Amino acid sequence: MEIFVLVILIAIGAYTLKSRDEKRRIALLGSHLGKYQIEKLMESLTEGYMRALGEDDPDRREQIWSLLSTAEMKLCDQFNSFVAEFSRVNETDARVSKLAVSIPYADKLFPNATFDLRKALSIHARGITNAAKNSLNQTPKSKAFTMSAELFLMQHTCHWFCKSKAVASTRILVRHKTSYELLVDSVAPDTRNAYCTLIGR
C-alpha cells in the first residue's frame, strides 16, 4: 500500500513539474509569436492553395496564384522578424529535448540530448523564404507543396518545443493529415539537410 501511495505521489509530482515546464515554454514562445499574424497567414495560404488547385479556369487560377505570392512574401517578412527577435532569447531557455517523450526539464537534465530552437527557426526561415521566392524554379503546384511542407515542419518544431516530439507529430498528423516523416522528406533539400544535421536525425 505504501509503495502504491509513493508511486502516485511521484506521478503527481512529475505531472506538476511537466505542466509547469510546458507552461513556461508556451508563454515564452507565445510572448514573441503574439506580436505577429503568422498563424493566420499560414491558414490563409493553405486555404488559398486548395482554392487555386481546385480552380478550373486558367485565368482565375493564375490570378489566385499571383495573390498568394503576395501573401507568401508578407508571411516571410513577419516570420523573419519573429526569428530575429527570438534569436535574442537566452540559449538555456531555447533548448529543445530530442527525447521522444516529455520528461520534466529534460533539456536541463540531459543537455547533450537537445538542440537550439533559435537555430531551428533560422533554418525554417530560410526554407520558407526560399520557397516563397521559388528558388527551385518549381511550378505553382509544386511550389505550394514545398511551401506547405516548410510551414508545417516549422509548426512541428514549435509544438516540439512546447510539448514533445511525440505530441508534435500527433498534432501535425491530426491537423494536416501528414506524417512527420513525410514533412521532412517534402521540404527543400537545403532545409532537410540543415534540419537533420541540427536535430541529429
N, C-alpha and C. Protein backbone atom coordinates (compact mmCIF):
# COMPACT_ATOMS: atom_id res chain seq x y z
N MET A 1 0.83 -1.20 0.00
CA MET A 1 0.00 0.00 0.00
C MET A 1 0.87 1.26 0.00
N GLU A 2 1.94 1.22 0.83
CA GLU A 2 2.83 2.38 0.93
C GLU A 2 3.52 2.64 -0.41
N ILE A 3 3.90 1.56 -1.10
CA ILE A 3 4.56 1.70 -2.40
C ILE A 3 3.60 2.31 -3.40
N PHE A 4 2.33 1.89 -3.36
CA PHE A 4 1.31 2.43 -4.28
C PHE A 4 1.14 3.92 -4.06
N VAL A 5 1.06 4.33 -2.80
CA VAL A 5 0.92 5.76 -2.47
C VAL A 5 2.14 6.53 -2.94
N LEU A 6 3.32 5.95 -2.75
CA LEU A 6 4.56 6.60 -3.17
C LEU A 6 4.59 6.79 -4.69
N VAL A 7 4.16 5.76 -5.42
CA VAL A 7 4.11 5.84 -6.89
C VAL A 7 3.15 6.94 -7.33
N ILE A 8 2.00 7.01 -6.68
CA ILE A 8 1.00 8.05 -7.00
C ILE A 8 1.58 9.44 -6.76
N LEU A 9 2.26 9.60 -5.64
CA LEU A 9 2.84 10.91 -5.30
C LEU A 9 3.93 11.30 -6.31
N ILE A 10 4.74 10.33 -6.70
CA ILE A 10 5.79 10.60 -7.69
C ILE A 10 5.16 10.99 -9.03
N ALA A 11 4.10 10.28 -9.41
CA ALA A 11 3.42 10.58 -10.67
C ALA A 11 2.82 11.98 -10.66
N ILE A 12 2.21 12.34 -9.54
CA ILE A 12 1.61 13.68 -9.40
C ILE A 12 2.70 14.75 -9.46
N GLY A 13 3.80 14.48 -8.78
CA GLY A 13 4.92 15.43 -8.78
C GLY A 13 5.50 15.62 -10.18
N ALA A 14 5.66 14.51 -10.90
CA ALA A 14 6.21 14.57 -12.26
C ALA A 14 5.27 15.33 -13.19
N TYR A 15 3.96 15.07 -13.04
CA TYR A 15 2.97 15.76 -13.88
C TYR A 15 2.97 17.27 -13.59
N THR A 16 3.09 17.62 -12.33
CA THR A 16 3.11 19.03 -11.95
C THR A 16 4.34 19.73 -12.54
N LEU A 17 5.49 19.09 -12.43
CA LEU A 17 6.72 19.66 -12.99
C LEU A 17 6.64 19.79 -14.50
N LYS A 18 6.07 18.75 -15.15
CA LYS A 18 5.93 18.77 -16.61
C LYS A 18 5.02 19.91 -17.05
N SER A 19 3.90 20.07 -16.36
CA SER A 19 2.94 21.12 -16.70
C SER A 19 3.56 22.51 -16.52
N ARG A 20 4.32 22.66 -15.43
CA ARG A 20 4.96 23.94 -15.17
C ARG A 20 5.99 24.28 -16.24
N ASP A 21 6.76 23.27 -16.66
CA ASP A 21 7.78 23.47 -17.68
C ASP A 21 7.13 23.79 -19.03
N GLU A 22 6.04 23.09 -19.37
CA GLU A 22 5.34 23.34 -20.63
C GLU A 22 4.73 24.74 -20.65
N LYS A 23 4.15 25.16 -19.53
CA LYS A 23 3.55 26.50 -19.46
C LYS A 23 4.61 27.57 -19.67
N ARG A 24 5.80 27.35 -19.11
CA ARG A 24 6.90 28.30 -19.28
C ARG A 24 7.30 28.41 -20.75
N ARG A 25 7.39 27.28 -21.42
CA ARG A 25 7.79 27.25 -22.82
C ARG A 25 6.72 27.89 -23.71
N ILE A 26 5.47 27.55 -23.45
CA ILE A 26 4.37 28.11 -24.23
C ILE A 26 4.31 29.62 -24.06
N ALA A 27 4.51 30.08 -22.82
CA ALA A 27 4.48 31.52 -22.55
C ALA A 27 5.64 32.23 -23.25
N LEU A 28 6.82 31.61 -23.24
CA LEU A 28 7.99 32.21 -23.88
C LEU A 28 7.76 32.36 -25.38
N LEU A 29 7.35 31.27 -26.03
CA LEU A 29 7.13 31.32 -27.48
C LEU A 29 5.96 32.23 -27.82
N GLY A 30 4.91 32.14 -27.03
CA GLY A 30 3.73 32.97 -27.28
C GLY A 30 3.99 34.45 -27.12
N SER A 31 4.89 34.81 -26.20
CA SER A 31 5.20 36.23 -25.99
C SER A 31 5.85 36.86 -27.21
N HIS A 32 6.50 36.04 -28.03
CA HIS A 32 7.13 36.54 -29.25
C HIS A 32 6.20 36.39 -30.46
N LEU A 33 5.54 35.23 -30.56
CA LEU A 33 4.64 34.99 -31.70
C LEU A 33 3.41 35.88 -31.66
N GLY A 34 2.99 36.24 -30.46
CA GLY A 34 1.77 37.03 -30.30
C GLY A 34 1.80 38.38 -30.99
N LYS A 35 2.97 38.86 -31.32
CA LYS A 35 3.11 40.16 -31.97
C LYS A 35 2.87 40.08 -33.48
N TYR A 36 2.75 38.87 -33.99
CA TYR A 36 2.65 38.68 -35.44
C TYR A 36 1.37 37.92 -35.81
N GLN A 37 1.09 37.88 -37.10
CA GLN A 37 -0.09 37.18 -37.61
C GLN A 37 0.32 35.94 -38.41
N ILE A 38 1.38 35.29 -37.97
CA ILE A 38 1.96 34.18 -38.71
C ILE A 38 0.97 33.03 -38.88
N GLU A 39 0.31 32.64 -37.81
CA GLU A 39 -0.62 31.50 -37.90
C GLU A 39 -1.80 31.83 -38.81
N LYS A 40 -2.30 33.05 -38.71
CA LYS A 40 -3.43 33.47 -39.55
C LYS A 40 -3.03 33.48 -41.02
N LEU A 41 -1.82 33.95 -41.31
CA LEU A 41 -1.33 33.97 -42.69
C LEU A 41 -1.12 32.55 -43.21
N MET A 42 -0.66 31.67 -42.35
CA MET A 42 -0.49 30.26 -42.74
C MET A 42 -1.82 29.64 -43.15
N GLU A 43 -2.85 29.91 -42.35
CA GLU A 43 -4.17 29.36 -42.66
C GLU A 43 -4.70 29.92 -43.97
N SER A 44 -4.49 31.21 -44.19
CA SER A 44 -4.95 31.84 -45.43
C SER A 44 -4.24 31.24 -46.64
N LEU A 45 -2.94 31.01 -46.50
CA LEU A 45 -2.17 30.42 -47.60
C LEU A 45 -2.64 29.00 -47.90
N THR A 46 -2.81 28.21 -46.85
CA THR A 46 -3.24 26.82 -47.03
C THR A 46 -4.58 26.75 -47.75
N GLU A 47 -5.51 27.60 -47.31
CA GLU A 47 -6.82 27.64 -47.95
C GLU A 47 -6.70 28.13 -49.40
N GLY A 48 -5.81 29.12 -49.61
CA GLY A 48 -5.61 29.66 -50.96
C GLY A 48 -5.04 28.63 -51.91
N TYR A 49 -4.10 27.83 -51.42
CA TYR A 49 -3.51 26.77 -52.25
C TYR A 49 -4.60 25.78 -52.70
N MET A 50 -5.45 25.40 -51.77
CA MET A 50 -6.52 24.45 -52.10
C MET A 50 -7.48 25.06 -53.12
N ARG A 51 -7.76 26.36 -52.96
CA ARG A 51 -8.66 27.03 -53.89
C ARG A 51 -8.05 27.10 -55.28
N ALA A 52 -6.76 27.42 -55.35
CA ALA A 52 -6.08 27.53 -56.65
C ALA A 52 -6.00 26.16 -57.33
N LEU A 53 -5.71 25.13 -56.57
CA LEU A 53 -5.59 23.79 -57.14
C LEU A 53 -6.93 23.25 -57.62
N GLY A 54 -8.01 23.77 -57.04
CA GLY A 54 -9.34 23.30 -57.43
C GLY A 54 -10.01 24.16 -58.48
N GLU A 55 -9.32 25.23 -58.91
CA GLU A 55 -9.89 26.15 -59.89
C GLU A 55 -9.69 25.62 -61.31
N ASP A 56 -10.79 25.55 -62.08
CA ASP A 56 -10.72 25.03 -63.45
C ASP A 56 -10.37 26.11 -64.48
N ASP A 57 -10.75 27.34 -64.19
CA ASP A 57 -10.49 28.45 -65.12
C ASP A 57 -9.02 28.87 -65.02
N PRO A 58 -8.23 28.72 -66.11
CA PRO A 58 -6.80 29.06 -66.08
C PRO A 58 -6.52 30.50 -65.68
N ASP A 59 -7.31 31.44 -66.18
CA ASP A 59 -7.11 32.86 -65.85
C ASP A 59 -7.37 33.13 -64.37
N ARG A 60 -8.46 32.56 -63.89
CA ARG A 60 -8.80 32.73 -62.48
C ARG A 60 -7.75 32.08 -61.59
N ARG A 61 -7.27 30.90 -62.01
CA ARG A 61 -6.24 30.19 -61.25
C ARG A 61 -4.95 31.00 -61.18
N GLU A 62 -4.57 31.60 -62.29
CA GLU A 62 -3.35 32.42 -62.33
C GLU A 62 -3.49 33.65 -61.42
N GLN A 63 -4.69 34.20 -61.38
CA GLN A 63 -4.94 35.36 -60.52
C GLN A 63 -4.78 34.98 -59.04
N ILE A 64 -5.28 33.80 -58.71
CA ILE A 64 -5.16 33.34 -57.32
C ILE A 64 -3.69 33.11 -56.95
N TRP A 65 -2.93 32.47 -57.86
CA TRP A 65 -1.51 32.24 -57.60
C TRP A 65 -0.77 33.56 -57.37
N SER A 66 -1.14 34.58 -58.14
CA SER A 66 -0.50 35.89 -58.00
C SER A 66 -0.78 36.51 -56.63
N LEU A 67 -2.03 36.39 -56.20
CA LEU A 67 -2.41 36.92 -54.88
C LEU A 67 -1.70 36.16 -53.77
N LEU A 68 -1.55 34.86 -53.97
CA LEU A 68 -0.88 34.04 -52.96
C LEU A 68 0.60 34.39 -52.85
N SER A 69 1.23 34.76 -53.95
CA SER A 69 2.64 35.16 -53.92
C SER A 69 2.84 36.37 -53.02
N THR A 70 1.91 37.31 -53.08
CA THR A 70 1.97 38.49 -52.22
C THR A 70 1.83 38.09 -50.75
N ALA A 71 0.89 37.17 -50.48
CA ALA A 71 0.67 36.70 -49.11
C ALA A 71 1.89 35.94 -48.59
N GLU A 72 2.54 35.19 -49.47
CA GLU A 72 3.74 34.44 -49.08
C GLU A 72 4.85 35.39 -48.63
N MET A 73 5.05 36.46 -49.37
CA MET A 73 6.11 37.40 -49.02
C MET A 73 5.79 38.13 -47.71
N LYS A 74 4.52 38.41 -47.49
CA LYS A 74 4.11 39.04 -46.22
C LYS A 74 4.40 38.11 -45.06
N LEU A 75 4.10 36.82 -45.25
CA LEU A 75 4.39 35.83 -44.21
C LEU A 75 5.88 35.74 -43.96
N CYS A 76 6.68 35.76 -45.02
CA CYS A 76 8.14 35.70 -44.88
C CYS A 76 8.66 36.88 -44.07
N ASP A 77 8.16 38.07 -44.37
CA ASP A 77 8.59 39.27 -43.64
C ASP A 77 8.30 39.13 -42.16
N GLN A 78 7.09 38.68 -41.84
CA GLN A 78 6.70 38.55 -40.44
C GLN A 78 7.50 37.45 -39.74
N PHE A 79 7.68 36.31 -40.43
CA PHE A 79 8.40 35.20 -39.79
C PHE A 79 9.87 35.55 -39.58
N ASN A 80 10.48 36.22 -40.54
CA ASN A 80 11.88 36.62 -40.38
C ASN A 80 12.05 37.62 -39.25
N SER A 81 11.07 38.50 -39.07
CA SER A 81 11.12 39.46 -37.96
C SER A 81 11.00 38.72 -36.63
N PHE A 82 10.09 37.75 -36.59
CA PHE A 82 9.92 36.94 -35.38
C PHE A 82 11.21 36.19 -35.04
N VAL A 83 11.83 35.57 -36.04
CA VAL A 83 13.07 34.80 -35.81
C VAL A 83 14.19 35.71 -35.33
N ALA A 84 14.29 36.90 -35.90
CA ALA A 84 15.33 37.85 -35.48
C ALA A 84 15.12 38.25 -34.02
N GLU A 85 13.88 38.43 -33.63
CA GLU A 85 13.57 38.79 -32.24
C GLU A 85 13.84 37.62 -31.30
N PHE A 86 13.41 36.42 -31.71
CA PHE A 86 13.58 35.25 -30.85
C PHE A 86 15.05 34.88 -30.70
N SER A 87 15.89 35.26 -31.64
CA SER A 87 17.31 34.93 -31.59
C SER A 87 17.99 35.56 -30.37
N ARG A 88 17.34 36.55 -29.75
CA ARG A 88 17.90 37.22 -28.58
C ARG A 88 17.54 36.50 -27.28
N VAL A 89 16.74 35.44 -27.38
CA VAL A 89 16.39 34.65 -26.19
C VAL A 89 17.63 33.93 -25.68
N ASN A 90 17.74 33.81 -24.37
CA ASN A 90 18.87 33.11 -23.77
C ASN A 90 18.92 31.67 -24.25
N GLU A 91 20.11 31.18 -24.56
CA GLU A 91 20.26 29.82 -25.11
C GLU A 91 19.66 28.76 -24.20
N THR A 92 19.85 28.89 -22.90
CA THR A 92 19.35 27.87 -21.97
C THR A 92 17.82 27.78 -22.01
N ASP A 93 17.16 28.87 -22.38
CA ASP A 93 15.71 28.88 -22.46
C ASP A 93 15.20 28.37 -23.81
N ALA A 94 16.12 28.23 -24.77
CA ALA A 94 15.72 27.84 -26.12
C ALA A 94 16.09 26.40 -26.46
N ARG A 95 16.55 25.64 -25.46
CA ARG A 95 16.93 24.25 -25.73
C ARG A 95 15.69 23.36 -25.86
N VAL A 96 15.74 22.43 -26.79
CA VAL A 96 14.63 21.51 -27.04
C VAL A 96 15.12 20.08 -26.84
N SER A 97 14.42 19.31 -26.03
CA SER A 97 14.81 17.93 -25.78
C SER A 97 14.56 17.08 -27.02
N LYS A 98 15.54 16.26 -27.37
CA LYS A 98 15.40 15.35 -28.51
C LYS A 98 14.67 14.06 -28.12
N LEU A 99 14.42 13.88 -26.84
CA LEU A 99 13.74 12.67 -26.38
C LEU A 99 12.33 12.62 -26.95
N ALA A 100 11.88 11.46 -27.32
CA ALA A 100 10.57 11.32 -27.96
C ALA A 100 9.42 11.66 -27.03
N VAL A 101 9.60 11.35 -25.74
CA VAL A 101 8.53 11.61 -24.77
C VAL A 101 8.92 12.78 -23.88
N SER A 102 7.91 13.37 -23.28
CA SER A 102 8.13 14.54 -22.43
C SER A 102 8.58 14.13 -21.03
N ILE A 103 9.75 14.62 -20.63
CA ILE A 103 10.26 14.43 -19.28
C ILE A 103 10.50 15.81 -18.70
N PRO A 104 9.98 16.09 -17.50
CA PRO A 104 10.12 17.43 -16.93
C PRO A 104 11.58 17.90 -16.90
N TYR A 105 11.81 19.07 -17.50
CA TYR A 105 13.13 19.70 -17.52
C TYR A 105 14.21 18.79 -18.12
N ALA A 106 13.82 18.02 -19.12
CA ALA A 106 14.78 17.12 -19.78
C ALA A 106 15.92 17.89 -20.42
N ASP A 107 15.62 19.13 -20.88
CA ASP A 107 16.67 19.94 -21.51
C ASP A 107 17.75 20.31 -20.51
N LYS A 108 17.39 20.38 -19.22
CA LYS A 108 18.37 20.69 -18.18
C LYS A 108 19.06 19.42 -17.68
N LEU A 109 18.30 18.32 -17.62
CA LEU A 109 18.85 17.06 -17.11
C LEU A 109 19.76 16.37 -18.13
N PHE A 110 19.40 16.50 -19.42
CA PHE A 110 20.17 15.84 -20.49
C PHE A 110 20.54 16.86 -21.57
N PRO A 111 21.41 17.81 -21.24
CA PRO A 111 21.75 18.89 -22.18
C PRO A 111 22.35 18.42 -23.50
N ASN A 112 22.99 17.25 -23.49
CA ASN A 112 23.58 16.74 -24.73
C ASN A 112 22.53 16.18 -25.68
N ALA A 113 21.34 15.93 -25.16
CA ALA A 113 20.25 15.40 -25.99
C ALA A 113 19.26 16.52 -26.31
N THR A 114 19.79 17.68 -26.72
CA THR A 114 18.95 18.83 -27.04
C THR A 114 19.43 19.50 -28.33
N PHE A 115 18.58 20.38 -28.87
CA PHE A 115 19.01 21.25 -29.95
C PHE A 115 18.49 22.66 -29.67
N ASP A 116 19.03 23.64 -30.36
CA ASP A 116 18.72 25.04 -30.12
C ASP A 116 17.55 25.47 -31.00
N LEU A 117 16.43 25.86 -30.38
CA LEU A 117 15.26 26.29 -31.14
C LEU A 117 15.58 27.50 -32.02
N ARG A 118 16.44 28.38 -31.56
CA ARG A 118 16.78 29.57 -32.34
C ARG A 118 17.40 29.18 -33.68
N LYS A 119 18.26 28.16 -33.66
CA LYS A 119 18.89 27.69 -34.90
C LYS A 119 17.86 26.99 -35.79
N ALA A 120 16.96 26.23 -35.18
CA ALA A 120 15.93 25.55 -35.96
C ALA A 120 15.03 26.56 -36.66
N LEU A 121 14.65 27.62 -35.94
CA LEU A 121 13.79 28.63 -36.53
C LEU A 121 14.49 29.37 -37.67
N SER A 122 15.79 29.57 -37.55
CA SER A 122 16.56 30.20 -38.63
C SER A 122 16.56 29.32 -39.88
N ILE A 123 16.67 28.01 -39.67
CA ILE A 123 16.61 27.07 -40.80
C ILE A 123 15.24 27.15 -41.47
N HIS A 124 14.20 27.18 -40.65
CA HIS A 124 12.85 27.27 -41.20
C HIS A 124 12.64 28.59 -41.94
N ALA A 125 13.19 29.67 -41.39
CA ALA A 125 13.04 30.98 -42.03
C ALA A 125 13.66 30.99 -43.42
N ARG A 126 14.84 30.40 -43.55
CA ARG A 126 15.49 30.32 -44.87
C ARG A 126 14.67 29.46 -45.82
N GLY A 127 14.18 28.34 -45.31
CA GLY A 127 13.40 27.44 -46.15
C GLY A 127 12.11 28.08 -46.65
N ILE A 128 11.41 28.76 -45.76
CA ILE A 128 10.16 29.43 -46.12
C ILE A 128 10.41 30.56 -47.10
N THR A 129 11.46 31.33 -46.86
CA THR A 129 11.80 32.44 -47.76
C THR A 129 12.19 31.94 -49.14
N ASN A 130 13.01 30.89 -49.18
CA ASN A 130 13.43 30.33 -50.47
C ASN A 130 12.24 29.74 -51.24
N ALA A 131 11.31 29.14 -50.50
CA ALA A 131 10.11 28.59 -51.16
C ALA A 131 9.26 29.72 -51.73
N ALA A 132 9.12 30.80 -50.97
CA ALA A 132 8.32 31.94 -51.44
C ALA A 132 8.95 32.58 -52.68
N LYS A 133 10.28 32.61 -52.72
CA LYS A 133 10.98 33.18 -53.87
C LYS A 133 11.10 32.18 -55.02
N ASN A 134 10.64 30.96 -54.78
CA ASN A 134 10.69 29.88 -55.77
C ASN A 134 12.12 29.67 -56.28
N SER A 135 13.03 29.53 -55.35
CA SER A 135 14.44 29.35 -55.70
C SER A 135 14.70 28.04 -56.44
N LEU A 136 13.76 27.10 -56.33
CA LEU A 136 13.92 25.81 -57.02
C LEU A 136 13.26 25.83 -58.41
N ASN A 137 12.71 27.00 -58.80
CA ASN A 137 12.05 27.15 -60.12
C ASN A 137 10.97 26.08 -60.34
N GLN A 138 10.11 25.94 -59.37
CA GLN A 138 9.05 24.95 -59.44
C GLN A 138 7.79 25.50 -60.11
N THR A 139 6.92 24.60 -60.50
CA THR A 139 5.61 25.01 -60.98
C THR A 139 4.83 25.55 -59.78
N PRO A 140 3.78 26.35 -60.00
CA PRO A 140 2.99 26.85 -58.87
C PRO A 140 2.49 25.73 -57.95
N LYS A 141 2.08 24.62 -58.54
CA LYS A 141 1.58 23.50 -57.74
C LYS A 141 2.69 22.91 -56.87
N SER A 142 3.87 22.69 -57.46
CA SER A 142 4.99 22.12 -56.71
C SER A 142 5.50 23.11 -55.66
N LYS A 143 5.48 24.39 -56.01
CA LYS A 143 5.90 25.42 -55.07
C LYS A 143 4.98 25.44 -53.85
N ALA A 144 3.68 25.33 -54.10
CA ALA A 144 2.71 25.30 -53.00
C ALA A 144 2.94 24.09 -52.10
N PHE A 145 3.26 22.96 -52.70
CA PHE A 145 3.53 21.73 -51.94
C PHE A 145 4.76 21.91 -51.05
N THR A 146 5.83 22.50 -51.64
CA THR A 146 7.05 22.72 -50.87
C THR A 146 6.83 23.73 -49.76
N MET A 147 6.15 24.83 -50.07
CA MET A 147 5.88 25.86 -49.07
C MET A 147 5.06 25.29 -47.92
N SER A 148 4.05 24.48 -48.24
CA SER A 148 3.23 23.87 -47.19
C SER A 148 4.07 22.98 -46.28
N ALA A 149 4.96 22.20 -46.88
CA ALA A 149 5.83 21.32 -46.09
C ALA A 149 6.75 22.14 -45.19
N GLU A 150 7.30 23.23 -45.72
CA GLU A 150 8.18 24.10 -44.93
C GLU A 150 7.42 24.68 -43.74
N LEU A 151 6.20 25.14 -43.98
CA LEU A 151 5.40 25.75 -42.93
C LEU A 151 4.98 24.73 -41.88
N PHE A 152 4.57 23.54 -42.32
CA PHE A 152 4.10 22.53 -41.37
C PHE A 152 5.26 21.97 -40.54
N LEU A 153 6.46 21.87 -41.14
CA LEU A 153 7.61 21.39 -40.37
C LEU A 153 8.00 22.44 -39.33
N MET A 154 7.91 23.70 -39.70
CA MET A 154 8.17 24.77 -38.72
C MET A 154 7.17 24.69 -37.57
N GLN A 155 5.91 24.45 -37.90
CA GLN A 155 4.87 24.32 -36.89
C GLN A 155 5.16 23.13 -35.97
N HIS A 156 5.64 22.04 -36.57
CA HIS A 156 6.02 20.86 -35.79
C HIS A 156 7.12 21.21 -34.79
N THR A 157 8.10 21.98 -35.22
CA THR A 157 9.20 22.38 -34.33
C THR A 157 8.69 23.20 -33.16
N CYS A 158 7.75 24.09 -33.42
CA CYS A 158 7.19 24.91 -32.34
C CYS A 158 6.43 24.05 -31.33
N HIS A 159 5.65 23.09 -31.83
CA HIS A 159 4.93 22.17 -30.94
C HIS A 159 5.91 21.30 -30.16
N TRP A 160 6.98 20.90 -30.81
CA TRP A 160 8.02 20.08 -30.18
C TRP A 160 8.63 20.85 -29.00
N PHE A 161 8.92 22.12 -29.22
CA PHE A 161 9.50 22.95 -28.16
C PHE A 161 8.54 23.07 -26.97
N CYS A 162 7.26 23.27 -27.26
CA CYS A 162 6.28 23.49 -26.20
C CYS A 162 5.89 22.20 -25.47
N LYS A 163 5.83 21.09 -26.19
CA LYS A 163 5.37 19.83 -25.60
C LYS A 163 6.44 18.74 -25.69
N SER A 164 6.42 18.01 -26.79
CA SER A 164 7.39 16.94 -27.05
C SER A 164 7.31 16.57 -28.53
N LYS A 165 8.29 15.80 -28.99
CA LYS A 165 8.29 15.38 -30.38
C LYS A 165 7.07 14.51 -30.68
N ALA A 166 6.73 13.62 -29.76
CA ALA A 166 5.59 12.72 -29.98
C ALA A 166 4.29 13.50 -30.10
N VAL A 167 4.10 14.47 -29.22
CA VAL A 167 2.89 15.28 -29.27
C VAL A 167 2.85 16.11 -30.55
N ALA A 168 4.00 16.68 -30.92
CA ALA A 168 4.07 17.49 -32.14
C ALA A 168 3.72 16.67 -33.36
N SER A 169 4.24 15.47 -33.45
CA SER A 169 3.97 14.60 -34.60
C SER A 169 2.49 14.21 -34.67
N THR A 170 1.90 13.96 -33.52
CA THR A 170 0.48 13.61 -33.47
C THR A 170 -0.38 14.79 -33.91
N ARG A 171 -0.04 15.98 -33.45
CA ARG A 171 -0.82 17.17 -33.81
C ARG A 171 -0.75 17.45 -35.31
N ILE A 172 0.43 17.29 -35.89
CA ILE A 172 0.59 17.52 -37.33
C ILE A 172 -0.22 16.48 -38.12
N LEU A 173 -0.21 15.24 -37.65
CA LEU A 173 -0.95 14.18 -38.32
C LEU A 173 -2.45 14.44 -38.27
N VAL A 174 -2.93 14.87 -37.11
CA VAL A 174 -4.36 15.13 -36.93
C VAL A 174 -4.80 16.37 -37.70
N ARG A 175 -4.01 17.44 -37.59
CA ARG A 175 -4.41 18.72 -38.20
C ARG A 175 -4.23 18.75 -39.70
N HIS A 176 -3.13 18.18 -40.19
CA HIS A 176 -2.82 18.29 -41.62
C HIS A 176 -2.83 16.95 -42.36
N LYS A 177 -3.18 15.87 -41.64
CA LYS A 177 -3.22 14.54 -42.26
C LYS A 177 -1.89 14.19 -42.93
N THR A 178 -0.80 14.62 -42.30
CA THR A 178 0.54 14.41 -42.84
C THR A 178 1.47 13.92 -41.74
N SER A 179 2.27 12.92 -42.03
CA SER A 179 3.20 12.41 -41.03
C SER A 179 4.44 13.30 -40.95
N TYR A 180 5.09 13.24 -39.81
CA TYR A 180 6.33 13.99 -39.60
C TYR A 180 7.38 13.57 -40.62
N GLU A 181 7.49 12.27 -40.86
CA GLU A 181 8.49 11.76 -41.80
C GLU A 181 8.26 12.30 -43.20
N LEU A 182 6.99 12.39 -43.62
CA LEU A 182 6.69 12.92 -44.94
C LEU A 182 7.04 14.39 -45.04
N LEU A 183 6.82 15.15 -43.97
CA LEU A 183 7.18 16.57 -43.97
C LEU A 183 8.68 16.75 -44.19
N VAL A 184 9.47 15.99 -43.45
CA VAL A 184 10.92 16.08 -43.59
C VAL A 184 11.35 15.74 -45.01
N ASP A 185 10.71 14.75 -45.60
CA ASP A 185 11.05 14.34 -46.97
C ASP A 185 10.57 15.35 -48.01
N SER A 186 9.57 16.19 -47.66
CA SER A 186 8.94 17.07 -48.65
C SER A 186 9.49 18.48 -48.68
N VAL A 187 10.25 18.90 -47.67
CA VAL A 187 10.82 20.24 -47.70
C VAL A 187 11.97 20.28 -48.71
N ALA A 188 12.46 21.47 -48.99
CA ALA A 188 13.57 21.62 -49.93
C ALA A 188 14.81 20.90 -49.40
N PRO A 189 15.66 20.39 -50.28
CA PRO A 189 16.87 19.66 -49.85
C PRO A 189 17.74 20.44 -48.87
N ASP A 190 17.91 21.74 -49.09
CA ASP A 190 18.74 22.55 -48.17
C ASP A 190 18.15 22.57 -46.77
N THR A 191 16.84 22.73 -46.70
CA THR A 191 16.16 22.73 -45.40
C THR A 191 16.33 21.38 -44.72
N ARG A 192 16.07 20.32 -45.48
CA ARG A 192 16.14 18.96 -44.92
C ARG A 192 17.54 18.65 -44.39
N ASN A 193 18.57 18.98 -45.15
CA ASN A 193 19.94 18.70 -44.73
C ASN A 193 20.31 19.47 -43.46
N ALA A 194 20.00 20.76 -43.43
CA ALA A 194 20.34 21.59 -42.27
C ALA A 194 19.54 21.15 -41.05
N TYR A 195 18.26 20.86 -41.25
CA TYR A 195 17.39 20.44 -40.16
C TYR A 195 17.83 19.10 -39.57
N CYS A 196 18.09 18.14 -40.43
CA CYS A 196 18.50 16.81 -39.96
C CYS A 196 19.86 16.86 -39.24
N THR A 197 20.76 17.72 -39.72
CA THR A 197 22.04 17.88 -39.06
C THR A 197 21.86 18.45 -37.66
N LEU A 198 20.96 19.45 -37.53
CA LEU A 198 20.74 20.10 -36.25
C LEU A 198 20.14 19.14 -35.22
N ILE A 199 19.13 18.37 -35.62
CA ILE A 199 18.47 17.50 -34.64
C ILE A 199 19.13 16.15 -34.54
N GLY A 200 20.16 15.89 -35.37
CA GLY A 200 20.85 14.62 -35.31
C GLY A 200 20.04 13.48 -35.86
N ARG A 201 19.28 13.76 -36.91
CA ARG A 201 18.40 12.72 -37.50
C ARG A 201 19.15 11.96 -38.59
